[in-house]
């Protein structure tokens, strides 16, 4: 069983990871921790390395807690929502965990909503998590 956590470093994504970790521990599932970065080859090397190191640290911590985990830093040039849904389909994900945050209607119009895209387009259940912290 594969559980995918959409991870962007936010408090809500961290909370989603905690919940997925609890579920994975109880069921023996594998966590696929995925960070999708828009921009493809235009992503600065420093940003790429920073995100990759953060994913490695999380993977180490989960494995110490005896939770199976694989990490992916996806830089395929797609918008993050599309990329995450594609990744879920390619990896037979059974449930997606994604953090959400409150954003104004104008903010959603201008910047889009990765979570909204994932919720509407995913082929599997999507658990949304909001955090008490900003």
N, C-alpha and C. Protein backbone atom coordinates (compact mmCIF):
# COMPACT_ATOMS: atom_id res chain seq x y z
N UNK A 1 0.85 -1.17 0.00
CA UNK A 1 0.00 0.00 0.00
C UNK A 1 0.90 1.24 0.00
N UNK A 2 0.64 2.17 -0.91
CA UNK A 2 1.40 3.41 -1.00
C UNK A 2 0.56 4.60 -0.56
N UNK A 3 1.07 5.35 0.38
CA UNK A 3 0.45 6.60 0.82
C UNK A 3 1.37 7.73 0.36
N UNK A 4 0.81 8.71 -0.33
CA UNK A 4 1.62 9.82 -0.82
C UNK A 4 1.38 11.06 0.03
N UNK A 5 2.46 11.69 0.45
CA UNK A 5 2.38 12.95 1.17
C UNK A 5 2.96 14.02 0.26
N UNK A 6 2.15 15.03 -0.02
CA UNK A 6 2.58 16.17 -0.83
C UNK A 6 3.24 17.14 0.15
N UNK A 7 4.53 17.33 0.00
CA UNK A 7 5.29 18.07 1.01
C UNK A 7 5.92 19.33 0.44
N UNK A 8 5.59 20.46 1.06
CA UNK A 8 6.18 21.74 0.64
C UNK A 8 6.89 22.46 1.78
N UNK A 9 7.02 21.81 2.92
CA UNK A 9 7.71 22.41 4.05
C UNK A 9 6.82 23.24 4.96
N UNK A 10 5.58 23.42 4.60
CA UNK A 10 4.66 24.23 5.41
C UNK A 10 4.23 23.48 6.66
N UNK A 11 3.65 24.21 7.60
CA UNK A 11 3.15 23.59 8.82
C UNK A 11 2.04 22.59 8.50
N UNK A 12 1.19 22.92 7.54
CA UNK A 12 0.11 22.01 7.16
C UNK A 12 0.66 20.73 6.53
N UNK A 13 1.70 20.85 5.71
CA UNK A 13 2.31 19.66 5.10
C UNK A 13 2.99 18.79 6.15
N UNK A 14 3.59 19.43 7.14
CA UNK A 14 4.22 18.69 8.23
C UNK A 14 3.17 17.93 9.03
N UNK A 15 2.04 18.55 9.26
CA UNK A 15 0.93 17.88 9.97
C UNK A 15 0.39 16.72 9.13
N UNK A 16 0.28 16.91 7.81
CA UNK A 16 -0.18 15.84 6.92
C UNK A 16 0.79 14.65 7.00
N UNK A 17 2.08 14.95 7.06
CA UNK A 17 3.09 13.90 7.18
C UNK A 17 2.94 13.13 8.49
N UNK A 18 2.67 13.83 9.57
CA UNK A 18 2.46 13.17 10.87
C UNK A 18 1.28 12.20 10.80
N UNK A 19 0.19 12.64 10.21
CA UNK A 19 -1.01 11.80 10.12
C UNK A 19 -0.74 10.59 9.22
N UNK A 20 -0.08 10.83 8.09
CA UNK A 20 0.26 9.73 7.19
C UNK A 20 1.20 8.74 7.89
N UNK A 21 2.12 9.25 8.69
CA UNK A 21 3.03 8.39 9.42
C UNK A 21 2.29 7.48 10.38
N UNK A 22 1.30 8.02 11.08
CA UNK A 22 0.50 7.21 11.99
C UNK A 22 -0.24 6.11 11.22
N UNK A 23 -0.80 6.47 10.08
CA UNK A 23 -1.54 5.51 9.26
C UNK A 23 -0.59 4.44 8.71
N UNK A 24 0.58 4.87 8.26
CA UNK A 24 1.56 3.92 7.71
C UNK A 24 2.03 2.95 8.78
N UNK A 25 2.28 3.45 9.97
CA UNK A 25 2.73 2.60 11.07
C UNK A 25 1.67 1.54 11.38
N UNK A 26 0.41 1.95 11.40
CA UNK A 26 -0.67 1.02 11.74
C UNK A 26 -0.93 -0.02 10.65
N UNK A 27 -0.70 0.36 9.40
CA UNK A 27 -1.05 -0.53 8.29
C UNK A 27 0.15 -1.18 7.60
N UNK A 28 1.35 -0.72 7.92
CA UNK A 28 2.53 -1.23 7.24
C UNK A 28 2.72 -0.66 5.85
N UNK A 29 2.07 0.45 5.58
CA UNK A 29 2.14 1.08 4.25
C UNK A 29 3.47 1.79 4.05
N UNK A 30 3.76 2.05 2.81
CA UNK A 30 4.93 2.82 2.39
C UNK A 30 4.51 4.26 2.19
N UNK A 31 5.29 5.20 2.73
CA UNK A 31 5.04 6.62 2.48
C UNK A 31 5.91 7.06 1.31
N UNK A 32 5.26 7.66 0.34
CA UNK A 32 5.95 8.29 -0.77
C UNK A 32 5.88 9.79 -0.51
N UNK A 33 6.98 10.36 -0.09
CA UNK A 33 7.05 11.78 0.26
C UNK A 33 7.50 12.54 -0.98
N UNK A 34 6.64 13.42 -1.49
CA UNK A 34 6.90 14.06 -2.77
C UNK A 34 6.85 15.58 -2.65
N UNK A 35 7.90 16.21 -3.15
CA UNK A 35 7.92 17.66 -3.30
C UNK A 35 8.00 17.94 -4.79
N UNK A 36 7.05 18.73 -5.28
CA UNK A 36 7.04 19.09 -6.69
C UNK A 36 7.40 20.56 -6.81
N UNK A 37 8.35 20.84 -7.68
CA UNK A 37 8.82 22.21 -7.87
C UNK A 37 8.53 22.61 -9.31
N UNK A 38 7.80 23.71 -9.48
CA UNK A 38 7.53 24.23 -10.82
C UNK A 38 8.82 24.84 -11.37
N UNK A 39 8.96 24.84 -12.67
CA UNK A 39 10.11 25.51 -13.26
C UNK A 39 11.06 24.62 -14.01
N UNK A 40 10.99 23.33 -13.79
CA UNK A 40 11.85 22.41 -14.52
C UNK A 40 13.32 22.74 -14.37
N UNK A 41 14.00 22.84 -15.49
CA UNK A 41 15.45 23.08 -15.49
C UNK A 41 15.82 24.47 -14.98
N UNK A 42 14.85 25.36 -14.84
CA UNK A 42 15.12 26.72 -14.38
C UNK A 42 15.25 26.85 -12.86
N UNK A 43 15.02 25.77 -12.14
CA UNK A 43 15.12 25.81 -10.68
C UNK A 43 16.58 26.00 -10.28
N UNK A 44 16.87 27.03 -9.46
CA UNK A 44 18.26 27.24 -9.03
C UNK A 44 18.80 26.02 -8.28
N UNK A 45 20.04 25.70 -8.54
CA UNK A 45 20.69 24.52 -7.95
C UNK A 45 20.62 24.55 -6.43
N UNK A 46 20.78 25.72 -5.82
CA UNK A 46 20.75 25.83 -4.35
C UNK A 46 19.39 25.45 -3.80
N UNK A 47 18.33 25.88 -4.47
CA UNK A 47 16.97 25.55 -4.02
C UNK A 47 16.75 24.04 -4.12
N UNK A 48 17.19 23.47 -5.21
CA UNK A 48 17.07 22.03 -5.43
C UNK A 48 17.79 21.26 -4.32
N UNK A 49 19.02 21.64 -4.03
CA UNK A 49 19.81 20.95 -3.00
C UNK A 49 19.19 21.10 -1.62
N UNK A 50 18.68 22.28 -1.31
CA UNK A 50 18.06 22.51 0.00
C UNK A 50 16.84 21.61 0.19
N UNK A 51 15.99 21.54 -0.83
CA UNK A 51 14.79 20.70 -0.74
C UNK A 51 15.16 19.22 -0.68
N UNK A 52 16.16 18.83 -1.44
CA UNK A 52 16.61 17.44 -1.43
C UNK A 52 17.14 17.04 -0.04
N UNK A 53 17.90 17.92 0.58
CA UNK A 53 18.44 17.63 1.91
C UNK A 53 17.32 17.53 2.95
N UNK A 54 16.33 18.40 2.85
CA UNK A 54 15.20 18.34 3.77
C UNK A 54 14.46 17.01 3.63
N UNK A 55 14.26 16.55 2.42
CA UNK A 55 13.60 15.26 2.20
C UNK A 55 14.43 14.12 2.77
N UNK A 56 15.74 14.16 2.62
CA UNK A 56 16.61 13.12 3.16
C UNK A 56 16.50 13.04 4.68
N UNK A 57 16.47 14.21 5.33
CA UNK A 57 16.35 14.23 6.79
C UNK A 57 15.03 13.63 7.25
N UNK A 58 13.96 13.95 6.56
CA UNK A 58 12.65 13.40 6.91
C UNK A 58 12.65 11.89 6.70
N UNK A 59 13.22 11.43 5.58
CA UNK A 59 13.28 9.99 5.30
C UNK A 59 14.04 9.26 6.41
N UNK A 60 15.17 9.83 6.85
CA UNK A 60 15.95 9.22 7.94
C UNK A 60 15.10 9.10 9.20
N UNK A 61 14.40 10.19 9.54
CA UNK A 61 13.58 10.19 10.75
C UNK A 61 12.46 9.16 10.67
N UNK A 62 11.80 9.06 9.53
CA UNK A 62 10.73 8.07 9.38
C UNK A 62 11.27 6.65 9.48
N UNK A 63 12.40 6.41 8.85
CA UNK A 63 12.99 5.07 8.91
C UNK A 63 13.43 4.71 10.33
N UNK A 64 13.90 5.69 11.09
CA UNK A 64 14.24 5.44 12.50
C UNK A 64 12.99 5.04 13.28
N UNK A 65 11.84 5.59 12.87
CA UNK A 65 10.57 5.24 13.49
C UNK A 65 9.96 3.97 12.87
N UNK A 66 10.77 3.29 12.04
CA UNK A 66 10.37 2.04 11.40
C UNK A 66 9.17 2.21 10.47
N UNK A 67 9.16 3.33 9.75
CA UNK A 67 8.14 3.60 8.74
C UNK A 67 8.85 3.60 7.38
N UNK A 68 8.38 2.75 6.49
CA UNK A 68 8.97 2.68 5.15
C UNK A 68 8.68 3.98 4.40
N UNK A 69 9.72 4.53 3.77
CA UNK A 69 9.56 5.83 3.11
C UNK A 69 10.50 5.94 1.92
N UNK A 70 9.98 6.50 0.86
CA UNK A 70 10.79 6.90 -0.29
C UNK A 70 10.50 8.37 -0.54
N UNK A 71 11.51 9.10 -0.97
CA UNK A 71 11.32 10.53 -1.23
C UNK A 71 11.56 10.83 -2.70
N UNK A 72 10.85 11.83 -3.19
CA UNK A 72 11.01 12.26 -4.57
C UNK A 72 10.95 13.77 -4.62
N UNK A 73 11.94 14.36 -5.25
CA UNK A 73 11.91 15.79 -5.57
C UNK A 73 11.65 15.85 -7.06
N UNK A 74 10.44 16.22 -7.42
CA UNK A 74 10.01 16.20 -8.81
C UNK A 74 10.15 17.58 -9.43
N UNK A 75 10.94 17.65 -10.48
CA UNK A 75 11.17 18.91 -11.19
C UNK A 75 10.98 18.60 -12.68
N UNK A 76 9.73 18.29 -13.05
CA UNK A 76 9.45 17.85 -14.42
C UNK A 76 8.95 18.98 -15.31
N UNK A 77 8.82 20.18 -14.76
CA UNK A 77 8.35 21.30 -15.57
C UNK A 77 6.84 21.44 -15.62
N UNK A 78 6.12 20.59 -14.91
CA UNK A 78 4.66 20.71 -14.82
C UNK A 78 4.30 21.62 -13.66
N UNK A 79 3.06 22.05 -13.64
CA UNK A 79 2.56 22.73 -12.45
C UNK A 79 2.51 21.69 -11.33
N UNK A 80 2.75 22.10 -10.08
CA UNK A 80 2.80 21.12 -8.99
C UNK A 80 1.57 20.22 -8.86
N UNK A 81 0.37 20.77 -8.99
CA UNK A 81 -0.83 19.94 -8.87
C UNK A 81 -0.88 18.84 -9.90
N UNK A 82 -0.61 19.20 -11.14
CA UNK A 82 -0.60 18.22 -12.23
C UNK A 82 0.50 17.18 -12.00
N UNK A 83 1.65 17.63 -11.58
CA UNK A 83 2.77 16.75 -11.31
C UNK A 83 2.44 15.74 -10.22
N UNK A 84 1.84 16.21 -9.13
CA UNK A 84 1.51 15.34 -8.00
C UNK A 84 0.46 14.29 -8.39
N UNK A 85 -0.55 14.69 -9.14
CA UNK A 85 -1.57 13.74 -9.58
C UNK A 85 -0.95 12.71 -10.53
N UNK A 86 -0.09 13.16 -11.42
CA UNK A 86 0.59 12.24 -12.34
C UNK A 86 1.46 11.25 -11.56
N UNK A 87 2.21 11.76 -10.59
CA UNK A 87 3.05 10.90 -9.76
C UNK A 87 2.20 9.85 -9.05
N UNK A 88 1.07 10.26 -8.49
CA UNK A 88 0.19 9.33 -7.78
C UNK A 88 -0.29 8.22 -8.71
N UNK A 89 -0.64 8.58 -9.93
CA UNK A 89 -1.10 7.57 -10.90
C UNK A 89 0.04 6.62 -11.28
N UNK A 90 1.22 7.15 -11.48
CA UNK A 90 2.37 6.34 -11.89
C UNK A 90 2.82 5.37 -10.80
N UNK A 91 2.50 5.68 -9.54
CA UNK A 91 3.00 4.89 -8.41
C UNK A 91 1.91 4.17 -7.63
N UNK A 92 0.75 3.99 -8.23
CA UNK A 92 -0.35 3.24 -7.61
C UNK A 92 -0.63 3.69 -6.18
N UNK A 93 -0.71 5.00 -5.99
CA UNK A 93 -0.98 5.56 -4.67
C UNK A 93 -2.44 5.29 -4.30
N UNK A 94 -2.64 4.84 -3.07
CA UNK A 94 -3.99 4.53 -2.60
C UNK A 94 -4.64 5.67 -1.83
N UNK A 95 -3.82 6.58 -1.30
CA UNK A 95 -4.35 7.74 -0.59
C UNK A 95 -3.31 8.84 -0.59
N UNK A 96 -3.81 10.07 -0.78
CA UNK A 96 -2.93 11.24 -0.82
C UNK A 96 -3.21 12.10 0.41
N UNK A 97 -2.14 12.59 1.03
CA UNK A 97 -2.22 13.51 2.16
C UNK A 97 -1.64 14.84 1.71
N UNK A 98 -2.41 15.91 1.89
CA UNK A 98 -1.94 17.22 1.45
C UNK A 98 -2.38 18.29 2.44
N UNK A 99 -1.47 19.20 2.73
CA UNK A 99 -1.79 20.32 3.61
C UNK A 99 -2.48 21.42 2.82
N UNK A 100 -3.38 22.10 3.48
CA UNK A 100 -4.08 23.23 2.86
C UNK A 100 -3.96 24.45 3.75
N UNK A 101 -4.03 25.60 3.12
CA UNK A 101 -4.02 26.84 3.88
C UNK A 101 -5.07 27.77 3.30
N UNK A 102 -5.54 28.65 4.14
CA UNK A 102 -6.56 29.60 3.73
C UNK A 102 -5.92 30.63 2.80
N UNK A 103 -6.59 30.87 1.70
CA UNK A 103 -6.11 31.86 0.74
C UNK A 103 -7.32 32.60 0.19
N UNK A 104 -7.16 33.86 -0.11
CA UNK A 104 -8.27 34.65 -0.63
C UNK A 104 -8.65 34.16 -2.03
N UNK A 105 -9.84 34.54 -2.48
CA UNK A 105 -10.28 34.16 -3.83
C UNK A 105 -9.35 34.74 -4.88
N UNK A 106 -8.90 35.96 -4.66
CA UNK A 106 -7.97 36.59 -5.60
C UNK A 106 -6.64 35.83 -5.60
N UNK A 107 -6.17 35.43 -4.44
CA UNK A 107 -4.93 34.66 -4.35
C UNK A 107 -5.03 33.35 -5.10
N UNK A 108 -6.17 32.68 -4.99
CA UNK A 108 -6.37 31.43 -5.71
C UNK A 108 -6.40 31.67 -7.22
N UNK A 109 -7.05 32.78 -7.62
CA UNK A 109 -7.16 33.10 -9.04
C UNK A 109 -5.79 33.39 -9.63
N UNK A 110 -4.99 34.19 -8.91
CA UNK A 110 -3.69 34.59 -9.43
C UNK A 110 -2.66 33.46 -9.34
N UNK A 111 -2.61 32.79 -8.19
CA UNK A 111 -1.58 31.78 -7.96
C UNK A 111 -2.05 30.35 -8.17
N UNK A 112 -3.35 30.13 -8.28
CA UNK A 112 -3.87 28.78 -8.40
C UNK A 112 -3.84 28.07 -7.05
N UNK A 113 -4.33 26.88 -7.03
CA UNK A 113 -4.34 26.10 -5.81
C UNK A 113 -3.92 24.67 -6.12
N UNK A 114 -2.73 24.33 -5.69
CA UNK A 114 -2.23 22.98 -5.90
C UNK A 114 -3.16 21.97 -5.24
N UNK A 115 -3.54 22.24 -3.99
CA UNK A 115 -4.41 21.31 -3.26
C UNK A 115 -5.74 21.13 -3.97
N UNK A 116 -6.32 22.22 -4.46
CA UNK A 116 -7.60 22.11 -5.15
C UNK A 116 -7.47 21.22 -6.39
N UNK A 117 -6.41 21.39 -7.14
CA UNK A 117 -6.20 20.56 -8.32
C UNK A 117 -6.09 19.09 -7.92
N UNK A 118 -5.29 18.81 -6.90
CA UNK A 118 -5.10 17.42 -6.46
C UNK A 118 -6.43 16.83 -5.99
N UNK A 119 -7.18 17.57 -5.21
CA UNK A 119 -8.46 17.08 -4.69
C UNK A 119 -9.41 16.73 -5.83
N UNK A 120 -9.48 17.58 -6.83
CA UNK A 120 -10.43 17.38 -7.92
C UNK A 120 -9.98 16.36 -8.96
N UNK A 121 -8.68 16.20 -9.14
CA UNK A 121 -8.19 15.37 -10.24
C UNK A 121 -7.64 14.00 -9.83
N UNK A 122 -7.34 13.80 -8.57
CA UNK A 122 -6.76 12.53 -8.13
C UNK A 122 -7.74 11.38 -8.31
N UNK A 123 -7.20 10.20 -8.59
CA UNK A 123 -8.01 9.00 -8.77
C UNK A 123 -8.25 8.26 -7.46
N UNK A 124 -7.66 8.73 -6.38
CA UNK A 124 -7.78 8.05 -5.09
C UNK A 124 -8.25 9.07 -4.05
N UNK A 125 -8.59 8.61 -2.85
CA UNK A 125 -8.99 9.54 -1.80
C UNK A 125 -7.86 10.51 -1.44
N UNK A 126 -8.25 11.72 -1.10
CA UNK A 126 -7.30 12.77 -0.71
C UNK A 126 -7.70 13.27 0.66
N UNK A 127 -6.77 13.18 1.61
CA UNK A 127 -7.00 13.69 2.96
C UNK A 127 -6.35 15.06 3.04
N UNK A 128 -7.15 16.09 3.31
CA UNK A 128 -6.60 17.43 3.45
C UNK A 128 -6.42 17.75 4.92
N UNK A 129 -5.32 18.42 5.21
CA UNK A 129 -4.96 18.74 6.59
C UNK A 129 -4.63 20.22 6.67
N UNK A 130 -5.25 20.89 7.63
CA UNK A 130 -4.84 22.27 7.87
C UNK A 130 -4.19 22.35 9.24
N UNK A 131 -3.29 23.26 9.36
CA UNK A 131 -2.52 23.38 10.59
C UNK A 131 -3.02 24.59 11.39
N UNK A 132 -2.79 24.53 12.70
CA UNK A 132 -3.12 25.67 13.55
C UNK A 132 -2.13 26.79 13.33
N UNK A 133 -0.92 26.43 12.88
CA UNK A 133 0.13 27.42 12.66
C UNK A 133 0.05 27.93 11.23
N UNK A 134 0.51 29.16 10.97
CA UNK A 134 0.53 29.68 9.60
C UNK A 134 1.57 29.00 8.74
